[in-house]
PDB file of N, CA and C in Angstrom:
ATOM      1  N   UNK A   1      -3.235 -36.933 -37.985  1.00  0.00           N
ATOM      2  CA  UNK A   1      -3.926 -36.099 -37.030  1.00  0.00           C
ATOM      3  C   UNK A   1      -4.993 -35.305 -37.780  1.00  0.00           C
ATOM      4  N   UNK A   2      -6.189 -35.317 -37.251  1.00  0.00           N
ATOM      5  CA  UNK A   2      -7.281 -34.579 -37.870  1.00  0.00           C
ATOM      6  C   UNK A   2      -7.072 -33.094 -37.642  1.00  0.00           C
ATOM      7  N   UNK A   3      -7.642 -32.299 -38.528  1.00  0.00           N
ATOM      8  CA  UNK A   3      -7.477 -30.854 -38.413  1.00  0.00           C
ATOM      9  C   UNK A   3      -8.122 -30.327 -37.132  1.00  0.00           C
ATOM     10  N   UNK A   4      -9.193 -30.937 -36.675  1.00  0.00           N
ATOM     11  CA  UNK A   4      -9.826 -30.469 -35.435  1.00  0.00           C
ATOM     12  C   UNK A   4      -8.930 -30.760 -34.233  1.00  0.00           C
ATOM     13  N   UNK A   5      -8.225 -31.862 -34.246  1.00  0.00           N
ATOM     14  CA  UNK A   5      -7.279 -32.179 -33.163  1.00  0.00           C
ATOM     15  C   UNK A   5      -6.122 -31.173 -33.163  1.00  0.00           C
ATOM     16  N   UNK A   6      -5.667 -30.818 -34.347  1.00  0.00           N
ATOM     17  CA  UNK A   6      -4.587 -29.842 -34.466  1.00  0.00           C
ATOM     18  C   UNK A   6      -5.028 -28.489 -33.912  1.00  0.00           C
ATOM     19  N   UNK A   7      -6.242 -28.085 -34.232  1.00  0.00           N
ATOM     20  CA  UNK A   7      -6.761 -26.801 -33.757  1.00  0.00           C
ATOM     21  C   UNK A   7      -6.889 -26.827 -32.234  1.00  0.00           C
ATOM     22  N   UNK A   8      -7.396 -27.918 -31.678  1.00  0.00           N
ATOM     23  CA  UNK A   8      -7.530 -28.044 -30.226  1.00  0.00           C
ATOM     24  C   UNK A   8      -6.155 -27.986 -29.558  1.00  0.00           C
ATOM     25  N   UNK A   9      -5.182 -28.667 -30.133  1.00  0.00           N
ATOM     26  CA  UNK A   9      -3.829 -28.653 -29.571  1.00  0.00           C
ATOM     27  C   UNK A   9      -3.232 -27.254 -29.642  1.00  0.00           C
ATOM     28  N   UNK A  10      -3.471 -26.561 -30.724  1.00  0.00           N
ATOM     29  CA  UNK A  10      -2.970 -25.200 -30.886  1.00  0.00           C
ATOM     30  C   UNK A  10      -3.602 -24.265 -29.851  1.00  0.00           C
ATOM     31  N   UNK A  11      -4.897 -24.370 -29.653  1.00  0.00           N
ATOM     32  CA  UNK A  11      -5.589 -23.534 -28.665  1.00  0.00           C
ATOM     33  C   UNK A  11      -5.086 -23.852 -27.257  1.00  0.00           C
ATOM     34  N   UNK A  12      -4.961 -25.119 -26.934  1.00  0.00           N
ATOM     35  CA  UNK A  12      -4.479 -25.529 -25.617  1.00  0.00           C
ATOM     36  C   UNK A  12      -3.063 -25.003 -25.368  1.00  0.00           C
ATOM     37  N   UNK A  13      -2.198 -25.153 -26.347  1.00  0.00           N
ATOM     38  CA  UNK A  13      -0.815 -24.681 -26.214  1.00  0.00           C
ATOM     39  C   UNK A  13      -0.768 -23.170 -26.035  1.00  0.00           C
ATOM     40  N   UNK A  14      -1.577 -22.445 -26.781  1.00  0.00           N
ATOM     41  CA  UNK A  14      -1.618 -20.981 -26.667  1.00  0.00           C
ATOM     42  C   UNK A  14      -2.056 -20.566 -25.268  1.00  0.00           C
ATOM     43  N   UNK A  15      -3.087 -21.207 -24.751  1.00  0.00           N
ATOM     44  CA  UNK A  15      -3.576 -20.876 -23.412  1.00  0.00           C
ATOM     45  C   UNK A  15      -2.518 -21.219 -22.367  1.00  0.00           C
ATOM     46  N   UNK A  16      -1.878 -22.351 -22.508  1.00  0.00           N
ATOM     47  CA  UNK A  16      -0.842 -22.758 -21.567  1.00  0.00           C
ATOM     48  C   UNK A  16       0.332 -21.775 -21.565  1.00  0.00           C
ATOM     49  N   UNK A  17       0.769 -21.365 -22.740  1.00  0.00           N
ATOM     50  CA  UNK A  17       1.864 -20.381 -22.835  1.00  0.00           C
ATOM     51  C   UNK A  17       1.460 -19.039 -22.242  1.00  0.00           C
ATOM     52  N   UNK A  18       0.216 -18.632 -22.450  1.00  0.00           N
ATOM     53  CA  UNK A  18      -0.263 -17.368 -21.880  1.00  0.00           C
ATOM     54  C   UNK A  18      -0.260 -17.426 -20.355  1.00  0.00           C
ATOM     55  N   UNK A  19      -0.666 -18.547 -19.796  1.00  0.00           N
ATOM     56  CA  UNK A  19      -0.659 -18.705 -18.335  1.00  0.00           C
ATOM     57  C   UNK A  19       0.766 -18.653 -17.792  1.00  0.00           C
ATOM     58  N   UNK A  20       1.670 -19.354 -18.434  1.00  0.00           N
ATOM     59  CA  UNK A  20       3.073 -19.349 -17.998  1.00  0.00           C
ATOM     60  C   UNK A  20       3.654 -17.941 -18.082  1.00  0.00           C
ATOM     61  N   UNK A  21       3.406 -17.251 -19.188  1.00  0.00           N
ATOM     62  CA  UNK A  21       3.913 -15.892 -19.350  1.00  0.00           C
ATOM     63  C   UNK A  21       3.326 -14.968 -18.297  1.00  0.00           C
ATOM     64  N   UNK A  22       2.043 -15.123 -18.000  1.00  0.00           N
ATOM     65  CA  UNK A  22       1.399 -14.285 -16.980  1.00  0.00           C
ATOM     66  C   UNK A  22       2.082 -14.469 -15.630  1.00  0.00           C
ATOM     67  N   UNK A  23       2.319 -15.718 -15.238  1.00  0.00           N
ATOM     68  CA  UNK A  23       2.943 -15.960 -13.942  1.00  0.00           C
ATOM     69  C   UNK A  23       4.385 -15.484 -13.897  1.00  0.00           C
ATOM     70  N   UNK A  24       5.081 -15.552 -15.005  1.00  0.00           N
ATOM     71  CA  UNK A  24       6.460 -15.065 -15.024  1.00  0.00           C
ATOM     72  C   UNK A  24       6.537 -13.548 -14.929  1.00  0.00           C
ATOM     73  N   UNK A  25       5.586 -12.850 -15.512  1.00  0.00           N
ATOM     74  CA  UNK A  25       5.624 -11.384 -15.483  1.00  0.00           C
ATOM     75  C   UNK A  25       4.910 -10.795 -14.282  1.00  0.00           C
ATOM     76  N   UNK A  26       4.064 -11.549 -13.624  1.00  0.00           N
ATOM     77  CA  UNK A  26       3.337 -11.063 -12.452  1.00  0.00           C
ATOM     78  C   UNK A  26       3.615 -11.958 -11.250  1.00  0.00           C
ATOM     79  N   UNK A  27       4.880 -12.114 -10.958  1.00  0.00           N
ATOM     80  CA  UNK A  27       5.290 -13.002  -9.878  1.00  0.00           C
ATOM     81  C   UNK A  27       4.837 -12.464  -8.525  1.00  0.00           C
ATOM     82  N   UNK A  28       4.465 -13.351  -7.621  1.00  0.00           N
ATOM     83  CA  UNK A  28       4.173 -12.908  -6.263  1.00  0.00           C
ATOM     84  C   UNK A  28       5.433 -12.374  -5.597  1.00  0.00           C
ATOM     85  N   UNK A  29       5.267 -11.538  -4.599  1.00  0.00           N
ATOM     86  CA  UNK A  29       6.406 -10.877  -3.956  1.00  0.00           C
ATOM     87  C   UNK A  29       7.461 -11.847  -3.415  1.00  0.00           C
ATOM     88  N   UNK A  30       7.113 -12.945  -2.718  1.00  0.00           N
ATOM     89  CA  UNK A  30       8.173 -13.858  -2.251  1.00  0.00           C
ATOM     90  C   UNK A  30       9.003 -14.452  -3.392  1.00  0.00           C
ATOM     91  N   UNK A  31       8.358 -14.754  -4.496  1.00  0.00           N
ATOM     92  CA  UNK A  31       9.107 -15.295  -5.640  1.00  0.00           C
ATOM     93  C   UNK A  31      10.017 -14.224  -6.222  1.00  0.00           C
ATOM     94  N   UNK A  32       9.523 -12.991  -6.303  1.00  0.00           N
ATOM     95  CA  UNK A  32      10.356 -11.887  -6.788  1.00  0.00           C
ATOM     96  C   UNK A  32      11.586 -11.732  -5.905  1.00  0.00           C
ATOM     97  N   UNK A  33      11.364 -11.738  -4.583  1.00  0.00           N
ATOM     98  CA  UNK A  33      12.478 -11.555  -3.656  1.00  0.00           C
ATOM     99  C   UNK A  33      13.517 -12.661  -3.808  1.00  0.00           C
ATOM    100  N   UNK A  34      13.049 -13.892  -3.985  1.00  0.00           N
ATOM    101  CA  UNK A  34      13.964 -15.015  -4.136  1.00  0.00           C
ATOM    102  C   UNK A  34      14.812 -14.855  -5.403  1.00  0.00           C
ATOM    103  N   UNK A  35      14.182 -14.493  -6.508  1.00  0.00           N
ATOM    104  CA  UNK A  35      14.896 -14.329  -7.772  1.00  0.00           C
ATOM    105  C   UNK A  35      15.883 -13.165  -7.690  1.00  0.00           C
ATOM    106  N   UNK A  36      15.440 -12.047  -7.123  1.00  0.00           N
ATOM    107  CA  UNK A  36      16.292 -10.870  -7.012  1.00  0.00           C
ATOM    108  C   UNK A  36      17.476 -11.155  -6.090  1.00  0.00           C
ATOM    109  N   UNK A  37      17.223 -11.807  -4.949  1.00  0.00           N
ATOM    110  CA  UNK A  37      18.311 -12.136  -4.024  1.00  0.00           C
ATOM    111  C   UNK A  37      19.346 -13.050  -4.667  1.00  0.00           C
ATOM    112  N   UNK A  38      18.880 -14.033  -5.410  1.00  0.00           N
ATOM    113  CA  UNK A  38      19.796 -14.954  -6.082  1.00  0.00           C
ATOM    114  C   UNK A  38      20.685 -14.206  -7.071  1.00  0.00           C
ATOM    115  N   UNK A  39      20.075 -13.373  -7.905  1.00  0.00           N
ATOM    116  CA  UNK A  39      20.846 -12.605  -8.885  1.00  0.00           C
ATOM    117  C   UNK A  39      21.804 -11.638  -8.229  1.00  0.00           C
ATOM    118  N   UNK A  40      21.360 -10.988  -7.154  1.00  0.00           N
ATOM    119  CA  UNK A  40      22.192 -10.020  -6.455  1.00  0.00           C
ATOM    120  C   UNK A  40      23.403 -10.708  -5.832  1.00  0.00           C
ATOM    121  N   UNK A  41      23.203 -11.886  -5.238  1.00  0.00           N
ATOM    122  CA  UNK A  41      24.314 -12.619  -4.625  1.00  0.00           C
ATOM    123  C   UNK A  41      25.323 -13.065  -5.677  1.00  0.00           C
ATOM    124  N   UNK A  42      24.834 -13.542  -6.818  1.00  0.00           N
ATOM    125  CA  UNK A  42      25.746 -13.963  -7.891  1.00  0.00           C
ATOM    126  C   UNK A  42      26.582 -12.780  -8.386  1.00  0.00           C
ATOM    127  N   UNK A  43      25.942 -11.638  -8.517  1.00  0.00           N
ATOM    128  CA  UNK A  43      26.666 -10.454  -8.964  1.00  0.00           C
ATOM    129  C   UNK A  43      27.725 -10.058  -7.939  1.00  0.00           C
ATOM    130  N   UNK A  44      27.373 -10.082  -6.655  1.00  0.00           N
ATOM    131  CA  UNK A  44      28.340  -9.713  -5.626  1.00  0.00           C
ATOM    132  C   UNK A  44      29.551 -10.642  -5.625  1.00  0.00           C
ATOM    133  N   UNK A  45      29.325 -11.930  -5.882  1.00  0.00           N
ATOM    134  CA  UNK A  45      30.442 -12.873  -5.958  1.00  0.00           C
ATOM    135  C   UNK A  45      31.396 -12.484  -7.082  1.00  0.00           C
ATOM    136  N   UNK A  46      30.841 -12.125  -8.223  1.00  0.00           N
ATOM    137  CA  UNK A  46      31.695 -11.717  -9.356  1.00  0.00           C
ATOM    138  C   UNK A  46      32.387 -10.400  -9.067  1.00  0.00           C
ATOM    139  N   UNK A  47      31.689  -9.508  -8.382  1.00  0.00           N
ATOM    140  CA  UNK A  47      32.259  -8.197  -8.076  1.00  0.00           C
ATOM    141  C   UNK A  47      33.408  -8.323  -7.079  1.00  0.00           C
ATOM    142  N   UNK A  48      33.293  -9.197  -6.109  1.00  0.00           N
ATOM    143  CA  UNK A  48      34.364  -9.411  -5.133  1.00  0.00           C
ATOM    144  C   UNK A  48      35.621  -9.913  -5.832  1.00  0.00           C
ATOM    145  N   UNK A  49      35.442 -10.768  -6.832  1.00  0.00           N
ATOM    146  CA  UNK A  49      36.587 -11.318  -7.560  1.00  0.00           C
ATOM    147  C   UNK A  49      37.216 -10.304  -8.519  1.00  0.00           C
ATOM    148  N   UNK A  50      36.501  -9.240  -8.839  1.00  0.00           N
ATOM    149  CA  UNK A  50      37.005  -8.253  -9.803  1.00  0.00           C
ATOM    150  C   UNK A  50      38.044  -7.349  -9.155  1.00  0.00           C
ATOM    151  N   UNK A  51      38.985  -6.907  -9.984  1.00  0.00           N
ATOM    152  CA  UNK A  51      39.977  -5.936  -9.536  1.00  0.00           C
ATOM    153  C   UNK A  51      39.374  -4.549  -9.702  1.00  0.00           C
ATOM    154  N   UNK A  52      39.180  -3.873  -8.557  1.00  0.00           N
ATOM    155  CA  UNK A  52      38.592  -2.534  -8.611  1.00  0.00           C
ATOM    156  C   UNK A  52      38.833  -1.819  -7.296  1.00  0.00           C
ATOM    157  N   UNK A  53      38.645  -0.524  -7.350  1.00  0.00           N
ATOM    158  CA  UNK A  53      38.708   0.295  -6.157  1.00  0.00           C
ATOM    159  C   UNK A  53      37.512  -0.069  -5.264  1.00  0.00           C
ATOM    160  N   UNK A  54      37.709  -0.293  -3.974  1.00  0.00           N
ATOM    161  CA  UNK A  54      36.602  -0.661  -3.089  1.00  0.00           C
ATOM    162  C   UNK A  54      35.454   0.358  -3.111  1.00  0.00           C
ATOM    163  N   UNK A  55      35.799   1.623  -3.287  1.00  0.00           N
ATOM    164  CA  UNK A  55      34.767   2.655  -3.340  1.00  0.00           C
ATOM    165  C   UNK A  55      33.891   2.478  -4.587  1.00  0.00           C
ATOM    166  N   UNK A  56      34.506   2.155  -5.711  1.00  0.00           N
ATOM    167  CA  UNK A  56      33.753   1.901  -6.943  1.00  0.00           C
ATOM    168  C   UNK A  56      32.837   0.690  -6.776  1.00  0.00           C
ATOM    169  N   UNK A  57      33.374  -0.350  -6.151  1.00  0.00           N
ATOM    170  CA  UNK A  57      32.569  -1.550  -5.911  1.00  0.00           C
ATOM    171  C   UNK A  57      31.341  -1.211  -5.072  1.00  0.00           C
ATOM    172  N   UNK A  58      31.555  -0.444  -4.008  1.00  0.00           N
ATOM    173  CA  UNK A  58      30.447  -0.095  -3.115  1.00  0.00           C
ATOM    174  C   UNK A  58      29.400   0.758  -3.826  1.00  0.00           C
ATOM    175  N   UNK A  59      29.836   1.671  -4.667  1.00  0.00           N
ATOM    176  CA  UNK A  59      28.889   2.502  -5.420  1.00  0.00           C
ATOM    177  C   UNK A  59      28.052   1.657  -6.375  1.00  0.00           C
ATOM    178  N   UNK A  60      28.673   0.697  -7.026  1.00  0.00           N
ATOM    179  CA  UNK A  60      27.949  -0.179  -7.949  1.00  0.00           C
ATOM    180  C   UNK A  60      26.952  -1.043  -7.182  1.00  0.00           C
ATOM    181  N   UNK A  61      27.379  -1.571  -6.043  1.00  0.00           N
ATOM    182  CA  UNK A  61      26.477  -2.395  -5.222  1.00  0.00           C
ATOM    183  C   UNK A  61      25.293  -1.555  -4.755  1.00  0.00           C
ATOM    184  N   UNK A  62      25.551  -0.333  -4.335  1.00  0.00           N
ATOM    185  CA  UNK A  62      24.463   0.546  -3.880  1.00  0.00           C
ATOM    186  C   UNK A  62      23.487   0.837  -5.015  1.00  0.00           C
ATOM    187  N   UNK A  63      23.993   1.092  -6.198  1.00  0.00           N
ATOM    188  CA  UNK A  63      23.111   1.343  -7.348  1.00  0.00           C
ATOM    189  C   UNK A  63      22.272   0.112  -7.664  1.00  0.00           C
ATOM    190  N   UNK A  64      22.898  -1.049  -7.574  1.00  0.00           N
ATOM    191  CA  UNK A  64      22.165  -2.286  -7.843  1.00  0.00           C
ATOM    192  C   UNK A  64      21.116  -2.548  -6.767  1.00  0.00           C
ATOM    193  N   UNK A  65      21.419  -2.214  -5.524  1.00  0.00           N
ATOM    194  CA  UNK A  65      20.425  -2.353  -4.442  1.00  0.00           C
ATOM    195  C   UNK A  65      19.212  -1.468  -4.722  1.00  0.00           C
ATOM    196  N   UNK A  66      19.471  -0.234  -5.139  1.00  0.00           N
ATOM    197  CA  UNK A  66      18.363   0.675  -5.463  1.00  0.00           C
ATOM    198  C   UNK A  66      17.515   0.101  -6.595  1.00  0.00           C
ATOM    199  N   UNK A  67      18.181  -0.484  -7.587  1.00  0.00           N
ATOM    200  CA  UNK A  67      17.454  -1.080  -8.706  1.00  0.00           C
ATOM    201  C   UNK A  67      16.618  -2.267  -8.246  1.00  0.00           C
ATOM    202  N   UNK A  68      17.186  -3.132  -7.412  1.00  0.00           N
ATOM    203  CA  UNK A  68      16.427  -4.292  -6.942  1.00  0.00           C
ATOM    204  C   UNK A  68      15.270  -3.867  -6.049  1.00  0.00           C
ATOM    205  N   UNK A  69      15.462  -2.827  -5.251  1.00  0.00           N
ATOM    206  CA  UNK A  69      14.346  -2.308  -4.451  1.00  0.00           C
ATOM    207  C   UNK A  69      13.228  -1.801  -5.350  1.00  0.00           C
ATOM    208  N   UNK A  70      13.600  -1.155  -6.447  1.00  0.00           N
ATOM    209  CA  UNK A  70      12.605  -0.682  -7.406  1.00  0.00           C
ATOM    210  C   UNK A  70      11.879  -1.860  -8.038  1.00  0.00           C
ATOM    211  N   UNK A  71      12.608  -2.912  -8.371  1.00  0.00           N
ATOM    212  CA  UNK A  71      11.969  -4.104  -8.943  1.00  0.00           C
ATOM    213  C   UNK A  71      10.946  -4.708  -7.997  1.00  0.00           C
ATOM    214  N   UNK A  72      11.282  -4.741  -6.720  1.00  0.00           N
ATOM    215  CA  UNK A  72      10.393  -5.362  -5.750  1.00  0.00           C
ATOM    216  C   UNK A  72       9.138  -4.537  -5.487  1.00  0.00           C
ATOM    217  N   UNK A  73       9.185  -3.239  -5.767  1.00  0.00           N
ATOM    218  CA  UNK A  73       8.006  -2.407  -5.525  1.00  0.00           C
ATOM    219  C   UNK A  73       7.082  -2.317  -6.734  1.00  0.00           C
ATOM    220  N   UNK A  74       7.553  -2.746  -7.895  1.00  0.00           N
ATOM    221  CA  UNK A  74       6.693  -2.707  -9.077  1.00  0.00           C
ATOM    222  C   UNK A  74       5.799  -3.934  -9.107  1.00  0.00           C
ATOM    223  N   UNK A  75       4.707  -3.832  -9.831  1.00  0.00           N
ATOM    224  CA  UNK A  75       3.757  -4.935  -9.910  1.00  0.00           C
ATOM    225  C   UNK A  75       4.195  -6.018 -10.888  1.00  0.00           C
ATOM    226  N   UNK A  76       5.010  -5.661 -11.863  1.00  0.00           N
ATOM    227  CA  UNK A  76       5.425  -6.635 -12.863  1.00  0.00           C
ATOM    228  C   UNK A  76       6.930  -6.558 -13.069  1.00  0.00           C
ATOM    229  N   UNK A  77       7.460  -7.589 -13.673  1.00  0.00           N
ATOM    230  CA  UNK A  77       8.861  -7.616 -14.082  1.00  0.00           C
ATOM    231  C   UNK A  77       8.924  -7.244 -15.553  1.00  0.00           C
ATOM    232  N   UNK A  78       9.779  -6.304 -15.902  1.00  0.00           N
ATOM    233  CA  UNK A  78      10.040  -6.025 -17.308  1.00  0.00           C
ATOM    234  C   UNK A  78      11.245  -6.881 -17.682  1.00  0.00           C
ATOM    235  N   UNK A  79      10.973  -8.028 -18.256  1.00  0.00           N
ATOM    236  CA  UNK A  79      12.034  -8.990 -18.534  1.00  0.00           C
ATOM    237  C   UNK A  79      13.077  -8.446 -19.499  1.00  0.00           C
ATOM    238  N   UNK A  80      12.651  -7.607 -20.432  1.00  0.00           N
ATOM    239  CA  UNK A  80      13.609  -7.014 -21.377  1.00  0.00           C
ATOM    240  C   UNK A  80      14.578  -6.085 -20.653  1.00  0.00           C
ATOM    241  N   UNK A  81      14.050  -5.282 -19.737  1.00  0.00           N
ATOM    242  CA  UNK A  81      14.901  -4.350 -19.000  1.00  0.00           C
ATOM    243  C   UNK A  81      15.863  -5.104 -18.082  1.00  0.00           C
ATOM    244  N   UNK A  82      15.372  -6.143 -17.431  1.00  0.00           N
ATOM    245  CA  UNK A  82      16.235  -6.949 -16.573  1.00  0.00           C
ATOM    246  C   UNK A  82      17.344  -7.583 -17.406  1.00  0.00           C
ATOM    247  N   UNK A  83      17.016  -8.026 -18.601  1.00  0.00           N
ATOM    248  CA  UNK A  83      18.015  -8.597 -19.499  1.00  0.00           C
ATOM    249  C   UNK A  83      19.071  -7.589 -19.898  1.00  0.00           C
ATOM    250  N   UNK A  84      18.642  -6.348 -20.170  1.00  0.00           N
ATOM    251  CA  UNK A  84      19.608  -5.308 -20.532  1.00  0.00           C
ATOM    252  C   UNK A  84      20.534  -4.977 -19.369  1.00  0.00           C
ATOM    253  N   UNK A  85      19.974  -4.898 -18.156  1.00  0.00           N
ATOM    254  CA  UNK A  85      20.806  -4.627 -16.974  1.00  0.00           C
ATOM    255  C   UNK A  85      21.792  -5.778 -16.767  1.00  0.00           C
ATOM    256  N   UNK A  86      21.308  -6.986 -16.906  1.00  0.00           N
ATOM    257  CA  UNK A  86      22.170  -8.158 -16.758  1.00  0.00           C
ATOM    258  C   UNK A  86      23.283  -8.166 -17.797  1.00  0.00           C
ATOM    259  N   UNK A  87      22.951  -7.852 -19.040  1.00  0.00           N
ATOM    260  CA  UNK A  87      23.970  -7.800 -20.092  1.00  0.00           C
ATOM    261  C   UNK A  87      24.998  -6.711 -19.810  1.00  0.00           C
ATOM    262  N   UNK A  88      24.539  -5.580 -19.284  1.00  0.00           N
ATOM    263  CA  UNK A  88      25.457  -4.493 -18.942  1.00  0.00           C
ATOM    264  C   UNK A  88      26.422  -4.942 -17.854  1.00  0.00           C
ATOM    265  N   UNK A  89      25.892  -5.600 -16.828  1.00  0.00           N
ATOM    266  CA  UNK A  89      26.746  -6.112 -15.754  1.00  0.00           C
ATOM    267  C   UNK A  89      27.747  -7.131 -16.285  1.00  0.00           C
ATOM    268  N   UNK A  90      27.257  -8.016 -17.136  1.00  0.00           N
ATOM    269  CA  UNK A  90      28.116  -9.066 -17.687  1.00  0.00           C
ATOM    270  C   UNK A  90      29.267  -8.468 -18.498  1.00  0.00           C
ATOM    271  N   UNK A  91      28.952  -7.495 -19.349  1.00  0.00           N
ATOM    272  CA  UNK A  91      30.008  -6.887 -20.158  1.00  0.00           C
ATOM    273  C   UNK A  91      30.965  -6.059 -19.297  1.00  0.00           C
ATOM    274  N   UNK A  92      30.433  -5.475 -18.222  1.00  0.00           N
ATOM    275  CA  UNK A  92      31.258  -4.653 -17.347  1.00  0.00           C
ATOM    276  C   UNK A  92      32.279  -5.504 -16.592  1.00  0.00           C
ATOM    277  N   UNK A  93      31.880  -6.714 -16.208  1.00  0.00           N
ATOM    278  CA  UNK A  93      32.769  -7.579 -15.431  1.00  0.00           C
ATOM    279  C   UNK A  93      33.390  -8.702 -16.254  1.00  0.00           C
ATOM    280  N   UNK A  94      33.279  -8.617 -17.553  1.00  0.00           N
ATOM    281  CA  UNK A  94      33.784  -9.666 -18.437  1.00  0.00           C
ATOM    282  C   UNK A  94      35.285  -9.888 -18.283  1.00  0.00           C
ATOM    283  N   UNK A  95      36.021  -8.814 -18.083  1.00  0.00           N
ATOM    284  CA  UNK A  95      37.473  -8.929 -17.972  1.00  0.00           C
ATOM    285  C   UNK A  95      37.968  -8.953 -16.517  1.00  0.00           C
ATOM    286  N   UNK A  96      37.041  -9.057 -15.554  1.00  0.00           N
ATOM    287  CA  UNK A  96      37.351  -9.072 -14.119  1.00  0.00           C
ATOM    288  C   UNK A  96      38.060  -7.807 -13.641  1.00  0.00           C
ATOM    289  N   UNK A  97      37.881  -6.717 -14.377  1.00  0.00           N
ATOM    290  CA  UNK A  97      38.427  -5.431 -13.974  1.00  0.00           C
ATOM    291  C   UNK A  97      37.290  -4.415 -14.053  1.00  0.00           C
ATOM    292  N   UNK A  98      37.075  -3.709 -12.944  1.00  0.00           N
ATOM    293  CA  UNK A  98      36.042  -2.685 -12.894  1.00  0.00           C
ATOM    294  C   UNK A  98      36.719  -1.332 -12.770  1.00  0.00           C
ATOM    295  N   UNK A  99      36.616  -0.539 -13.821  1.00  0.00           N
ATOM    296  CA  UNK A  99      37.229   0.785 -13.795  1.00  0.00           C
ATOM    297  C   UNK A  99      36.233   1.803 -13.241  1.00  0.00           C
ATOM    298  N   UNK A 100      36.752   2.934 -12.844  1.00  0.00           N
ATOM    299  CA  UNK A 100      35.898   4.008 -12.331  1.00  0.00           C
ATOM    300  C   UNK A 100      34.943   4.476 -13.416  1.00  0.00           C
ATOM    301  N   UNK A 101      35.436   4.539 -14.643  1.00  0.00           N
ATOM    302  CA  UNK A 101      34.594   4.963 -15.771  1.00  0.00           C
ATOM    303  C   UNK A 101      33.423   3.994 -15.971  1.00  0.00           C
ATOM    304  N   UNK A 102      33.711   2.697 -15.916  1.00  0.00           N
ATOM    305  CA  UNK A 102      32.653   1.695 -16.075  1.00  0.00           C
ATOM    306  C   UNK A 102      31.629   1.783 -14.945  1.00  0.00           C
ATOM    307  N   UNK A 103      32.122   1.949 -13.732  1.00  0.00           N
ATOM    308  CA  UNK A 103      31.196   2.009 -12.600  1.00  0.00           C
ATOM    309  C   UNK A 103      30.310   3.241 -12.680  1.00  0.00           C
ATOM    310  N   UNK A 104      30.878   4.395 -13.061  1.00  0.00           N
ATOM    311  CA  UNK A 104      30.075   5.613 -13.178  1.00  0.00           C
ATOM    312  C   UNK A 104      29.049   5.494 -14.310  1.00  0.00           C
ATOM    313  N   UNK A 105      29.462   4.878 -15.400  1.00  0.00           N
ATOM    314  CA  UNK A 105      28.552   4.661 -16.524  1.00  0.00           C
ATOM    315  C   UNK A 105      27.386   3.750 -16.108  1.00  0.00           C
ATOM    316  N   UNK A 106      27.697   2.698 -15.362  1.00  0.00           N
ATOM    317  CA  UNK A 106      26.664   1.778 -14.890  1.00  0.00           C
ATOM    318  C   UNK A 106      25.713   2.475 -13.922  1.00  0.00           C
ATOM    319  N   UNK A 107      26.259   3.251 -13.001  1.00  0.00           N
ATOM    320  CA  UNK A 107      25.429   3.964 -12.025  1.00  0.00           C
ATOM    321  C   UNK A 107      24.479   4.919 -12.742  1.00  0.00           C
ATOM    322  N   UNK A 108      24.987   5.630 -13.737  1.00  0.00           N
ATOM    323  CA  UNK A 108      24.134   6.547 -14.503  1.00  0.00           C
ATOM    324  C   UNK A 108      23.039   5.772 -15.236  1.00  0.00           C
ATOM    325  N   UNK A 109      23.391   4.632 -15.800  1.00  0.00           N
ATOM    326  CA  UNK A 109      22.421   3.795 -16.506  1.00  0.00           C
ATOM    327  C   UNK A 109      21.322   3.322 -15.552  1.00  0.00           C
ATOM    328  N   UNK A 110      21.709   2.869 -14.360  1.00  0.00           N
ATOM    329  CA  UNK A 110      20.733   2.391 -13.378  1.00  0.00           C
ATOM    330  C   UNK A 110      19.828   3.537 -12.935  1.00  0.00           C
ATOM    331  N   UNK A 111      20.381   4.726 -12.751  1.00  0.00           N
ATOM    332  CA  UNK A 111      19.558   5.874 -12.370  1.00  0.00           C
ATOM    333  C   UNK A 111      18.516   6.168 -13.442  1.00  0.00           C
ATOM    334  N   UNK A 112      18.895   6.044 -14.715  1.00  0.00           N
ATOM    335  CA  UNK A 112      17.943   6.250 -15.808  1.00  0.00           C
ATOM    336  C   UNK A 112      16.852   5.186 -15.799  1.00  0.00           C
ATOM    337  N   UNK A 113      17.241   3.940 -15.549  1.00  0.00           N
ATOM    338  CA  UNK A 113      16.267   2.841 -15.499  1.00  0.00           C
ATOM    339  C   UNK A 113      15.281   3.069 -14.359  1.00  0.00           C
ATOM    340  N   UNK A 114      15.785   3.457 -13.192  1.00  0.00           N
ATOM    341  CA  UNK A 114      14.920   3.708 -12.036  1.00  0.00           C
ATOM    342  C   UNK A 114      13.975   4.870 -12.328  1.00  0.00           C
ATOM    343  N   UNK A 115      14.491   5.908 -12.973  1.00  0.00           N
ATOM    344  CA  UNK A 115      13.639   7.048 -13.334  1.00  0.00           C
ATOM    345  C   UNK A 115      12.531   6.617 -14.295  1.00  0.00           C
ATOM    346  N   UNK A 116      12.875   5.765 -15.258  1.00  0.00           N
ATOM    347  CA  UNK A 116      11.868   5.262 -16.191  1.00  0.00           C
ATOM    348  C   UNK A 116      10.813   4.418 -15.485  1.00  0.00           C
ATOM    349  N   UNK A 117      11.234   3.612 -14.513  1.00  0.00           N
ATOM    350  CA  UNK A 117      10.295   2.803 -13.741  1.00  0.00           C
ATOM    351  C   UNK A 117       9.346   3.718 -12.963  1.00  0.00           C
ATOM    352  N   UNK A 118       9.894   4.805 -12.426  1.00  0.00           N
ATOM    353  CA  UNK A 118       9.059   5.768 -11.703  1.00  0.00           C
ATOM    354  C   UNK A 118       8.013   6.401 -12.605  1.00  0.00           C
ATOM    355  N   UNK A 119       8.384   6.682 -13.840  1.00  0.00           N
ATOM    356  CA  UNK A 119       7.437   7.241 -14.807  1.00  0.00           C
ATOM    357  C   UNK A 119       6.371   6.228 -15.177  1.00  0.00           C
ATOM    358  N   UNK A 120       6.745   4.949 -15.254  1.00  0.00           N
ATOM    359  CA  UNK A 120       5.776   3.911 -15.596  1.00  0.00           C
ATOM    360  C   UNK A 120       4.728   3.752 -14.511  1.00  0.00           C
ATOM    361  N   UNK A 121       5.158   3.929 -13.238  1.00  0.00           N
ATOM    362  CA  UNK A 121       4.210   3.794 -12.126  1.00  0.00           C
ATOM    363  C   UNK A 121       3.152   4.881 -12.174  1.00  0.00           C
ATOM    364  N   UNK A 122       3.571   6.079 -12.551  1.00  0.00           N
ATOM    365  CA  UNK A 122       2.641   7.233 -12.547  1.00  0.00           C
ATOM    366  C   UNK A 122       1.805   7.201 -13.743  1.00  0.00           C
TER     367      UNK A 122
END
């Protein structure tokens, strides 16, 4: 392969990756809603299977609804933040038991994330 072909391939690949990244971080609203709904439904399925107080479950679901509403109103997705929230949920439900302490900790974490999103908007 000639060096000029390599450079052209490198430039093309860079532009292609930039376009893909742009579309992933600036998703149109219907695509955002579809992704958020899918994730929310999967979480609810795991939460239903978990052993927990129904009140704790409802509080966690409400906090997650507030977070997803915040995601839908922002112009971009912060993929790192979504990953951290997802990891928190995963570790919280890893043992299929949701304690009051875990639910309160998660709710506080989500409130902080929402507050940070509000600061980013301003």
